[in-house]
Amino acid sequence: MGRAAKAVKVTTCRYILSIYHLTFLYSVCLDQSMVLLKTTSTLKAAVDEYVRLHADCENSEPLQYKLERLEKAELDGPIEHSDVIDISKRLVKECQDSDTSTKNWRLDTLLKGTTVYQPPPPPKPEPVGRSSHACKIS
């Protein structure tokens, strides 16, 4: 195989690999599952304000479901990262319209102090008494 043929083969392999990587990255970006974060007091205040702003609006079914889910958010409980982004965008926009400070609702402020949510471990099974599993020896 000549030099030109090897160069074409290498270029083709690189091209195929870059298409593969772009396809993979695109599929990852389209993946709707986001990280669950631990709700801090700042996040809880933002969630409450977001729900309050939408309470009087005529909401679509998906937004209504989202609001019901957010109303149940508890301190140190899970909240989706995508929800935090939406909440921040909406509250910053609302504050710009009403001339109040947007600093409290910026995404970097809302994420400060939060960590990835770790669900509590499942309860340990109760120990079984030895007598129930003892084998009879004859």
N, C-alpha and C. Protein backbone atom coordinates (compact mmCIF):
# COMPACT_ATOMS: atom_id res chain seq x y z
N MET A 1 0.86 -1.17 0.00
CA MET A 1 0.00 0.00 0.00
C MET A 1 0.91 1.23 0.00
N GLY A 2 0.62 2.15 -0.88
CA GLY A 2 1.44 3.36 -1.01
C GLY A 2 1.11 4.40 0.06
N ARG A 3 1.96 5.43 0.09
CA ARG A 3 1.77 6.50 1.08
C ARG A 3 0.44 7.20 0.93
N ALA A 4 0.06 7.48 -0.28
CA ALA A 4 -1.21 8.18 -0.52
C ALA A 4 -2.39 7.35 -0.04
N ALA A 5 -2.35 6.06 -0.29
CA ALA A 5 -3.44 5.17 0.15
C ALA A 5 -3.51 5.10 1.67
N LYS A 6 -2.33 5.05 2.32
CA LYS A 6 -2.30 5.05 3.79
C LYS A 6 -2.86 6.35 4.35
N ALA A 7 -2.51 7.46 3.73
CA ALA A 7 -3.00 8.77 4.19
C ALA A 7 -4.52 8.85 4.06
N VAL A 8 -5.04 8.34 2.96
CA VAL A 8 -6.50 8.34 2.75
C VAL A 8 -7.16 7.46 3.79
N LYS A 9 -6.58 6.30 4.07
CA LYS A 9 -7.15 5.38 5.05
C LYS A 9 -7.16 6.01 6.44
N VAL A 10 -6.06 6.66 6.83
CA VAL A 10 -5.98 7.32 8.14
C VAL A 10 -6.98 8.45 8.22
N THR A 11 -7.07 9.25 7.18
CA THR A 11 -8.02 10.36 7.15
C THR A 11 -9.45 9.84 7.24
N THR A 12 -9.76 8.78 6.52
CA THR A 12 -11.10 8.18 6.56
C THR A 12 -11.41 7.67 7.96
N CYS A 13 -10.46 7.01 8.60
CA CYS A 13 -10.68 6.50 9.96
C CYS A 13 -10.93 7.64 10.93
N ARG A 14 -10.15 8.71 10.82
CA ARG A 14 -10.35 9.88 11.70
C ARG A 14 -11.71 10.49 11.47
N TYR A 15 -12.14 10.58 10.20
CA TYR A 15 -13.43 11.14 9.87
C TYR A 15 -14.56 10.30 10.49
N ILE A 16 -14.45 8.99 10.34
CA ILE A 16 -15.47 8.09 10.91
C ILE A 16 -15.51 8.22 12.43
N LEU A 17 -14.34 8.27 13.06
CA LEU A 17 -14.29 8.42 14.52
C LEU A 17 -14.89 9.75 14.95
N SER A 18 -14.61 10.84 14.24
CA SER A 18 -15.17 12.13 14.63
C SER A 18 -16.68 12.14 14.45
N ILE A 19 -17.20 11.49 13.41
CA ILE A 19 -18.65 11.38 13.24
C ILE A 19 -19.25 10.58 14.40
N TYR A 20 -18.56 9.50 14.78
CA TYR A 20 -19.03 8.69 15.90
C TYR A 20 -19.08 9.52 17.18
N HIS A 21 -18.01 10.27 17.45
CA HIS A 21 -17.97 11.09 18.66
C HIS A 21 -19.03 12.18 18.65
N LEU A 22 -19.24 12.82 17.50
CA LEU A 22 -20.28 13.85 17.42
C LEU A 22 -21.66 13.25 17.64
N THR A 23 -21.89 12.08 17.07
CA THR A 23 -23.18 11.40 17.27
C THR A 23 -23.38 11.07 18.73
N PHE A 24 -22.33 10.58 19.38
CA PHE A 24 -22.41 10.25 20.80
C PHE A 24 -22.68 11.50 21.63
N LEU A 25 -21.95 12.59 21.37
CA LEU A 25 -22.16 13.82 22.13
C LEU A 25 -23.56 14.38 21.90
N TYR A 26 -24.05 14.29 20.67
CA TYR A 26 -25.39 14.76 20.38
C TYR A 26 -26.43 13.97 21.15
N SER A 27 -26.25 12.64 21.22
CA SER A 27 -27.21 11.81 21.95
C SER A 27 -27.15 12.11 23.44
N VAL A 28 -25.96 12.41 23.96
CA VAL A 28 -25.84 12.75 25.37
C VAL A 28 -26.54 14.07 25.65
N CYS A 29 -26.39 15.04 24.74
CA CYS A 29 -27.03 16.35 24.92
C CYS A 29 -28.55 16.23 24.87
N LEU A 30 -29.06 15.30 24.09
CA LEU A 30 -30.51 15.14 23.99
C LEU A 30 -31.09 14.36 25.16
N ASP A 31 -30.24 13.70 25.91
CA ASP A 31 -30.71 12.91 27.05
C ASP A 31 -31.33 13.86 28.07
N GLN A 32 -32.58 13.62 28.42
CA GLN A 32 -33.30 14.53 29.30
C GLN A 32 -33.04 14.28 30.78
N SER A 33 -32.41 13.18 31.12
CA SER A 33 -32.17 12.91 32.52
C SER A 33 -31.06 13.83 33.01
N MET A 34 -31.33 14.49 34.09
CA MET A 34 -30.37 15.43 34.64
C MET A 34 -29.97 14.97 36.03
N VAL A 35 -29.03 15.66 36.56
CA VAL A 35 -28.52 15.36 37.89
C VAL A 35 -29.54 15.84 38.94
N LEU A 36 -29.71 15.06 39.98
CA LEU A 36 -30.53 15.49 41.11
C LEU A 36 -29.62 16.19 42.10
N LEU A 37 -30.06 17.37 42.54
CA LEU A 37 -29.29 18.15 43.50
C LEU A 37 -30.03 18.19 44.83
N LYS A 38 -29.28 18.46 45.89
CA LYS A 38 -29.86 18.60 47.22
C LYS A 38 -30.41 20.02 47.36
N THR A 39 -31.65 20.15 47.79
CA THR A 39 -32.30 21.44 47.90
C THR A 39 -31.78 22.19 49.12
N THR A 40 -31.21 23.37 48.87
CA THR A 40 -30.74 24.24 49.96
C THR A 40 -31.84 25.23 50.30
N SER A 41 -31.64 26.02 51.33
CA SER A 41 -32.65 27.02 51.71
C SER A 41 -32.80 28.07 50.61
N THR A 42 -31.71 28.43 49.94
CA THR A 42 -31.78 29.39 48.84
C THR A 42 -32.59 28.81 47.69
N LEU A 43 -32.34 27.55 47.36
CA LEU A 43 -33.11 26.90 46.30
C LEU A 43 -34.59 26.78 46.67
N LYS A 44 -34.86 26.47 47.91
CA LYS A 44 -36.24 26.33 48.37
C LYS A 44 -36.98 27.66 48.24
N ALA A 45 -36.30 28.77 48.59
CA ALA A 45 -36.91 30.09 48.46
C ALA A 45 -37.19 30.41 46.99
N ALA A 46 -36.27 30.03 46.11
CA ALA A 46 -36.47 30.26 44.68
C ALA A 46 -37.62 29.42 44.14
N VAL A 47 -37.70 28.18 44.58
CA VAL A 47 -38.79 27.30 44.15
C VAL A 47 -40.14 27.87 44.60
N ASP A 48 -40.20 28.32 45.84
CA ASP A 48 -41.45 28.89 46.36
C ASP A 48 -41.86 30.13 45.57
N GLU A 49 -40.88 30.97 45.22
CA GLU A 49 -41.17 32.18 44.44
C GLU A 49 -41.63 31.81 43.03
N TYR A 50 -40.99 30.83 42.43
CA TYR A 50 -41.36 30.36 41.09
C TYR A 50 -42.79 29.82 41.09
N VAL A 51 -43.12 29.02 42.08
CA VAL A 51 -44.48 28.46 42.17
C VAL A 51 -45.49 29.59 42.39
N ARG A 52 -45.14 30.56 43.22
CA ARG A 52 -46.03 31.70 43.49
C ARG A 52 -46.31 32.49 42.21
N LEU A 53 -45.27 32.70 41.39
CA LEU A 53 -45.44 33.45 40.15
C LEU A 53 -46.35 32.73 39.16
N HIS A 54 -46.32 31.41 39.17
CA HIS A 54 -47.14 30.63 38.24
C HIS A 54 -48.51 30.27 38.81
N ALA A 55 -48.76 30.57 40.05
CA ALA A 55 -50.00 30.15 40.69
C ALA A 55 -51.24 30.75 40.02
N ASP A 56 -51.15 32.00 39.59
CA ASP A 56 -52.30 32.69 39.02
C ASP A 56 -52.43 32.49 37.51
N CYS A 57 -51.43 31.91 36.89
CA CYS A 57 -51.42 31.76 35.44
C CYS A 57 -52.21 30.53 35.01
N GLU A 58 -52.70 30.60 33.79
CA GLU A 58 -53.32 29.44 33.16
C GLU A 58 -52.18 28.58 32.65
N ASN A 59 -52.01 27.38 33.21
CA ASN A 59 -50.85 26.56 32.91
C ASN A 59 -51.22 25.37 32.06
N SER A 60 -50.27 24.96 31.21
CA SER A 60 -50.44 23.75 30.43
C SER A 60 -50.30 22.55 31.36
N GLU A 61 -50.70 21.40 30.89
CA GLU A 61 -50.66 20.19 31.72
C GLU A 61 -49.22 19.84 32.17
N PRO A 62 -48.22 19.88 31.26
CA PRO A 62 -46.86 19.57 31.72
C PRO A 62 -46.35 20.58 32.76
N LEU A 63 -46.67 21.86 32.57
CA LEU A 63 -46.23 22.87 33.54
C LEU A 63 -46.96 22.69 34.86
N GLN A 64 -48.24 22.34 34.80
CA GLN A 64 -48.99 22.10 36.03
C GLN A 64 -48.40 20.93 36.81
N TYR A 65 -48.03 19.87 36.11
CA TYR A 65 -47.39 18.73 36.75
C TYR A 65 -46.07 19.14 37.39
N LYS A 66 -45.29 19.96 36.68
CA LYS A 66 -44.01 20.44 37.20
C LYS A 66 -44.22 21.28 38.46
N LEU A 67 -45.22 22.14 38.44
CA LEU A 67 -45.49 22.99 39.62
C LEU A 67 -45.91 22.16 40.82
N GLU A 68 -46.73 21.14 40.58
CA GLU A 68 -47.14 20.25 41.68
C GLU A 68 -45.93 19.53 42.27
N ARG A 69 -45.03 19.10 41.39
CA ARG A 69 -43.82 18.41 41.85
C ARG A 69 -42.92 19.38 42.64
N LEU A 70 -42.80 20.61 42.14
CA LEU A 70 -41.95 21.59 42.83
C LEU A 70 -42.54 22.04 44.16
N GLU A 71 -43.87 22.09 44.26
CA GLU A 71 -44.50 22.45 45.53
C GLU A 71 -44.14 21.48 46.64
N LYS A 72 -43.88 20.23 46.26
CA LYS A 72 -43.55 19.20 47.24
C LYS A 72 -42.06 19.18 47.61
N ALA A 73 -41.26 20.05 46.98
CA ALA A 73 -39.81 20.06 47.25
C ALA A 73 -39.57 20.41 48.71
N GLU A 74 -38.70 19.62 49.33
CA GLU A 74 -38.38 19.82 50.74
C GLU A 74 -36.91 20.18 50.88
N LEU A 75 -36.58 20.83 51.98
CA LEU A 75 -35.20 21.16 52.28
C LEU A 75 -34.40 19.87 52.38
N ASP A 76 -33.24 19.82 51.76
CA ASP A 76 -32.35 18.66 51.68
C ASP A 76 -32.93 17.52 50.83
N GLY A 77 -34.03 17.76 50.16
CA GLY A 77 -34.61 16.77 49.27
C GLY A 77 -34.07 16.94 47.86
N PRO A 78 -34.46 16.07 46.93
CA PRO A 78 -33.93 16.16 45.57
C PRO A 78 -34.66 17.20 44.72
N ILE A 79 -33.91 17.83 43.83
CA ILE A 79 -34.48 18.73 42.82
C ILE A 79 -33.65 18.54 41.56
N GLU A 80 -34.32 18.51 40.41
CA GLU A 80 -33.62 18.29 39.15
C GLU A 80 -32.84 19.54 38.74
N HIS A 81 -31.65 19.32 38.22
CA HIS A 81 -30.82 20.42 37.77
C HIS A 81 -31.52 21.24 36.69
N SER A 82 -32.25 20.58 35.80
CA SER A 82 -32.98 21.29 34.75
C SER A 82 -34.04 22.21 35.34
N ASP A 83 -34.67 21.80 36.45
CA ASP A 83 -35.65 22.66 37.12
C ASP A 83 -34.98 23.90 37.69
N VAL A 84 -33.79 23.73 38.26
CA VAL A 84 -33.06 24.87 38.83
C VAL A 84 -32.72 25.87 37.73
N ILE A 85 -32.33 25.37 36.57
CA ILE A 85 -32.01 26.25 35.44
C ILE A 85 -33.25 27.02 35.01
N ASP A 86 -34.39 26.33 34.85
CA ASP A 86 -35.64 26.98 34.46
C ASP A 86 -36.07 28.02 35.48
N ILE A 87 -35.98 27.68 36.75
CA ILE A 87 -36.37 28.59 37.83
C ILE A 87 -35.51 29.84 37.79
N SER A 88 -34.22 29.67 37.64
CA SER A 88 -33.30 30.81 37.60
C SER A 88 -33.62 31.73 36.42
N LYS A 89 -33.79 31.15 35.24
CA LYS A 89 -34.09 31.96 34.05
C LYS A 89 -35.37 32.77 34.24
N ARG A 90 -36.40 32.12 34.75
CA ARG A 90 -37.69 32.80 34.91
C ARG A 90 -37.62 33.90 35.96
N LEU A 91 -36.99 33.61 37.10
CA LEU A 91 -36.94 34.60 38.17
C LEU A 91 -36.04 35.78 37.81
N VAL A 92 -34.94 35.55 37.11
CA VAL A 92 -34.09 36.66 36.67
C VAL A 92 -34.86 37.54 35.70
N LYS A 93 -35.61 36.92 34.79
CA LYS A 93 -36.41 37.70 33.83
C LYS A 93 -37.47 38.52 34.55
N GLU A 94 -38.14 37.92 35.52
CA GLU A 94 -39.17 38.64 36.28
C GLU A 94 -38.58 39.81 37.06
N CYS A 95 -37.41 39.60 37.65
CA CYS A 95 -36.78 40.66 38.43
C CYS A 95 -36.30 41.81 37.55
N GLN A 96 -35.88 41.52 36.33
CA GLN A 96 -35.47 42.58 35.42
C GLN A 96 -36.66 43.45 35.05
N ASP A 97 -37.82 42.83 34.92
CA ASP A 97 -39.02 43.58 34.59
C ASP A 97 -39.51 44.43 35.75
N SER A 98 -39.23 44.00 36.99
CA SER A 98 -39.76 44.72 38.15
C SER A 98 -38.70 45.56 38.87
N ASP A 99 -37.49 45.70 38.30
CA ASP A 99 -36.40 46.52 38.86
C ASP A 99 -35.91 46.06 40.23
N THR A 100 -36.09 44.81 40.57
CA THR A 100 -35.51 44.31 41.82
C THR A 100 -34.21 43.58 41.49
N SER A 101 -33.44 43.27 42.50
CA SER A 101 -32.13 42.65 42.29
C SER A 101 -32.27 41.25 41.72
N THR A 102 -31.51 40.99 40.66
CA THR A 102 -31.51 39.66 40.04
C THR A 102 -30.45 38.76 40.65
N LYS A 103 -29.58 39.32 41.48
CA LYS A 103 -28.46 38.56 42.03
C LYS A 103 -28.93 37.33 42.81
N ASN A 104 -30.02 37.46 43.58
CA ASN A 104 -30.51 36.35 44.40
C ASN A 104 -30.98 35.16 43.57
N TRP A 105 -31.38 35.39 42.32
CA TRP A 105 -31.97 34.33 41.52
C TRP A 105 -31.04 33.84 40.42
N ARG A 106 -29.82 34.36 40.35
CA ARG A 106 -28.88 33.89 39.33
C ARG A 106 -28.51 32.44 39.61
N LEU A 107 -28.21 31.70 38.53
CA LEU A 107 -27.94 30.27 38.66
C LEU A 107 -26.76 29.99 39.58
N ASP A 108 -25.70 30.80 39.49
CA ASP A 108 -24.55 30.55 40.35
C ASP A 108 -24.88 30.74 41.82
N THR A 109 -25.79 31.67 42.11
CA THR A 109 -26.22 31.88 43.50
C THR A 109 -27.07 30.72 43.99
N LEU A 110 -27.97 30.25 43.13
CA LEU A 110 -28.85 29.14 43.52
C LEU A 110 -28.08 27.84 43.73
N LEU A 111 -27.01 27.65 42.97
CA LEU A 111 -26.24 26.41 43.08
C LEU A 111 -25.21 26.43 44.20
N LYS A 112 -24.97 27.60 44.77
CA LYS A 112 -23.96 27.71 45.82
C LYS A 112 -24.38 26.88 47.04
N GLY A 113 -23.48 26.01 47.46
CA GLY A 113 -23.73 25.21 48.66
C GLY A 113 -24.49 23.92 48.43
N THR A 114 -24.96 23.71 47.22
CA THR A 114 -25.70 22.47 46.97
C THR A 114 -24.73 21.36 46.56
N THR A 115 -25.18 20.14 46.74
CA THR A 115 -24.39 18.98 46.36
C THR A 115 -25.28 18.02 45.58
N VAL A 116 -24.67 17.02 45.01
CA VAL A 116 -25.44 15.99 44.32
C VAL A 116 -26.25 15.23 45.36
N TYR A 117 -27.52 15.03 45.06
CA TYR A 117 -28.42 14.34 45.99
C TYR A 117 -28.06 12.87 46.07
N GLN A 118 -27.89 12.40 47.27
CA GLN A 118 -27.65 10.97 47.53
C GLN A 118 -28.88 10.43 48.27
N PRO A 119 -29.67 9.58 47.63
CA PRO A 119 -30.84 9.06 48.34
C PRO A 119 -30.41 8.26 49.57
N PRO A 120 -31.24 8.26 50.59
CA PRO A 120 -30.88 7.49 51.78
C PRO A 120 -30.78 6.01 51.45
N PRO A 121 -29.90 5.30 52.14
CA PRO A 121 -29.77 3.87 51.85
C PRO A 121 -31.05 3.13 52.23
N PRO A 122 -31.33 2.05 51.53
CA PRO A 122 -32.53 1.28 51.88
C PRO A 122 -32.36 0.67 53.27
N PRO A 123 -33.47 0.47 53.96
CA PRO A 123 -33.37 -0.11 55.30
C PRO A 123 -32.77 -1.51 55.24
N LYS A 124 -31.99 -1.82 56.25
CA LYS A 124 -31.38 -3.14 56.31
C LYS A 124 -32.46 -4.17 56.66
N PRO A 125 -32.37 -5.34 56.07
CA PRO A 125 -33.35 -6.37 56.42
C PRO A 125 -33.15 -6.82 57.88
N GLU A 126 -34.26 -7.15 58.49
CA GLU A 126 -34.19 -7.59 59.89
C GLU A 126 -33.47 -8.93 59.97
N PRO A 127 -32.64 -9.11 60.99
CA PRO A 127 -31.94 -10.39 61.11
C PRO A 127 -32.94 -11.51 61.41
N VAL A 128 -32.68 -12.62 60.81
CA VAL A 128 -33.56 -13.77 60.97
C VAL A 128 -32.99 -14.62 62.09
N GLY A 129 -33.86 -15.06 62.99
CA GLY A 129 -33.41 -15.88 64.10
C GLY A 129 -32.82 -17.20 63.63
N ARG A 130 -31.90 -17.72 64.38
CA ARG A 130 -31.24 -18.98 64.00
C ARG A 130 -32.21 -20.15 64.05
N SER A 131 -33.16 -20.10 64.95
CA SER A 131 -34.05 -21.25 65.10
C SER A 131 -34.92 -21.49 63.86
N SER A 132 -35.24 -20.44 63.13
CA SER A 132 -36.08 -20.64 61.96
C SER A 132 -35.32 -21.26 60.80
N HIS A 133 -33.99 -21.11 60.78
CA HIS A 133 -33.22 -21.68 59.70
C HIS A 133 -32.39 -22.89 60.12
N ALA A 134 -32.56 -23.32 61.34
CA ALA A 134 -31.73 -24.44 61.81
C ALA A 134 -32.18 -25.73 61.11
N CYS A 135 -31.22 -26.51 60.77
CA CYS A 135 -31.51 -27.80 60.12
C CYS A 135 -31.68 -28.86 61.21
N LYS A 136 -32.59 -29.75 60.97
CA LYS A 136 -32.79 -30.83 61.93
C LYS A 136 -31.76 -31.92 61.67
N ILE A 137 -31.10 -32.30 62.70
CA ILE A 137 -30.11 -33.38 62.57
C ILE A 137 -30.73 -34.65 63.15
N SER A 138 -30.74 -35.71 62.38
CA SER A 138 -31.34 -36.94 62.87
C SER A 138 -30.33 -37.93 63.35
